[in-house]
Protein backbone atom coordinates (compact mmCIF):
# COMPACT_ATOMS: atom_id res chain seq x y z
CA MET A 1 2.66 -180.55 11.38
CA MET A 2 0.85 -178.23 13.75
CA LEU A 3 0.65 -174.47 14.10
CA PHE A 4 0.52 -173.26 17.69
CA ASP A 5 -1.05 -169.87 18.42
CA ILE A 6 1.06 -168.56 21.31
CA LYS A 7 -1.39 -165.94 22.59
CA HIS A 8 -4.56 -168.07 22.53
CA LYS A 9 -2.83 -171.45 23.17
CA LEU A 10 -4.62 -173.13 20.23
CA TYR A 11 -3.38 -175.72 17.75
CA TYR A 12 -4.14 -175.78 14.03
CA GLU A 13 -3.43 -178.70 11.71
CA ALA A 14 -0.94 -177.78 8.95
CA ILE A 15 -0.96 -180.13 5.95
CA ASN A 16 1.86 -180.54 3.41
CA THR A 17 0.75 -179.34 -0.01
CA SER A 18 2.09 -178.04 -3.29
CA ARG A 19 2.40 -174.35 -4.06
CA PRO A 20 -1.08 -173.01 -4.95
CA LEU A 21 -1.74 -171.54 -8.38
CA MET A 22 -2.09 -167.86 -7.60
CA SER A 23 -2.66 -166.37 -11.02
CA LEU A 24 -5.35 -163.72 -11.13
CA SER A 25 -7.08 -165.30 -14.12
CA HIS A 26 -7.33 -168.79 -12.60
CA GLN A 27 -11.09 -169.38 -12.29
CA GLY A 28 -11.69 -165.80 -11.21
CA ARG A 29 -9.96 -166.22 -7.88
CA THR A 30 -8.73 -163.31 -5.81
CA TRP A 31 -5.58 -163.86 -3.74
CA GLY A 32 -4.25 -161.84 -0.86
CA TYR A 33 -2.00 -162.40 2.08
CA VAL A 34 -1.84 -161.77 5.80
CA PRO A 35 1.63 -161.31 7.37
CA LYS A 36 2.26 -163.26 10.58
CA LEU A 37 5.24 -164.21 12.72
CA LEU A 38 6.11 -167.88 12.30
CA ASN A 39 8.94 -169.17 14.51
CA GLY A 40 10.15 -165.59 14.87
CA ARG A 41 10.20 -164.80 11.12
CA LYS A 42 7.67 -162.78 9.15
CA VAL A 43 5.79 -165.08 6.74
CA LYS A 44 3.02 -164.36 4.21
CA PHE A 45 -0.09 -166.51 4.70
CA TRP A 46 -1.84 -166.56 1.31
CA VAL A 47 -5.65 -166.67 1.16
CA ASP A 48 -8.00 -167.38 -1.75
CA TYR A 49 -10.76 -164.91 -0.89
CA THR A 50 -13.12 -166.21 -3.58
CA HIS A 51 -13.33 -169.97 -3.02
CA GLY A 52 -10.91 -170.73 -0.25
CA ARG A 53 -11.14 -172.25 3.19
CA TYR A 54 -7.40 -172.61 3.60
CA MET A 55 -4.41 -170.35 4.12
CA TYR A 56 -1.18 -171.34 2.38
CA PHE A 57 2.30 -170.55 3.63
CA GLU A 58 5.88 -171.50 2.84
CA HIS A 59 8.36 -172.56 5.53
CA ASP A 60 11.83 -174.01 4.85
CA GLN A 61 11.03 -174.35 1.12
CA LYS A 62 7.93 -176.47 1.83
CA TRP A 63 4.34 -175.36 1.37
CA TYR A 64 1.63 -176.00 3.95
CA ARG A 65 -2.07 -175.29 4.15
CA VAL A 66 -4.11 -174.61 7.25
CA ARG A 67 -7.85 -174.11 7.59
CA TYR A 68 -8.27 -170.50 8.64
CA LEU A 69 -11.68 -170.92 10.26
CA GLN A 70 -11.77 -173.84 12.63
CA SER A 71 -13.43 -175.07 15.75
CA ASN A 72 -11.32 -176.62 18.47
CA TYR A 73 -13.22 -179.71 19.57
CA LYS A 74 -16.68 -180.56 18.29
CA LYS A 75 -19.15 -177.70 18.58
CA GLN A 76 -22.84 -177.32 17.87
CA ASN A 77 -24.17 -174.91 15.23
CA HIS A 78 -25.61 -172.57 17.86
CA ASP A 79 -22.13 -172.27 19.40
CA ILE A 80 -20.87 -170.50 16.28
CA PHE A 81 -22.63 -167.34 17.42
CA ASN A 82 -21.05 -167.62 20.87
CA GLY A 83 -17.55 -167.15 19.45
CA VAL A 84 -16.21 -170.71 19.51
CA LEU A 85 -14.88 -170.55 15.96
CA ILE A 86 -11.33 -169.23 15.73
CA ASP A 87 -10.52 -167.14 12.65
CA LEU A 88 -6.81 -167.34 11.84
CA LEU A 89 -7.13 -164.35 9.50
CA THR A 90 -7.61 -161.99 12.43
CA GLU A 91 -6.27 -164.06 15.34
CA GLY A 92 -2.91 -165.69 15.86
CA GLU A 93 -0.33 -163.02 15.17
CA GLU A 94 2.55 -165.10 16.56
CA LEU A 95 2.69 -168.77 15.60
CA LYS A 96 5.03 -171.72 16.01
CA LEU A 97 5.28 -174.61 13.55
CA LEU A 98 5.66 -177.90 15.43
CA LYS A 99 6.07 -181.52 14.36
CA GLY A 100 3.32 -183.98 15.20
CA LYS A 101 -0.40 -184.48 14.69
CA ILE A 102 -3.28 -183.29 16.84
CA GLU A 103 -5.11 -186.62 16.52
CA LYS A 104 -2.19 -188.51 18.07
CA ASP A 105 -1.91 -186.24 21.07
CA LYS A 106 -5.43 -185.35 22.31
CA ARG A 107 -4.16 -183.54 25.40
CA LEU A 108 -2.90 -180.72 23.13
CA LEU A 109 -6.50 -179.72 22.47
CA ILE A 110 -7.17 -178.86 26.11
């Protein structure tokens, strides 16, 4: 599955997963959520602020995870400071969940 950021025209890979363990005592993790519009509905995107690199969300009774800090295409380390990394925590207020994989359709990355 893919998440499409409507405003910035970017794709994120969404991977099927199980529901994350969000207890407060689980290895000292701190969980929070960011509300976003997904296919026109408000959805909570859960984030493990302590150890996490992924955001978790539920859509149609299935759980998905998406990396919330990603680089579209391959970038160099010095490009990080030029703003090429997209942070889904602050960006992407309106998203669409689409079927397919980014690797199979390279033209989606342009």
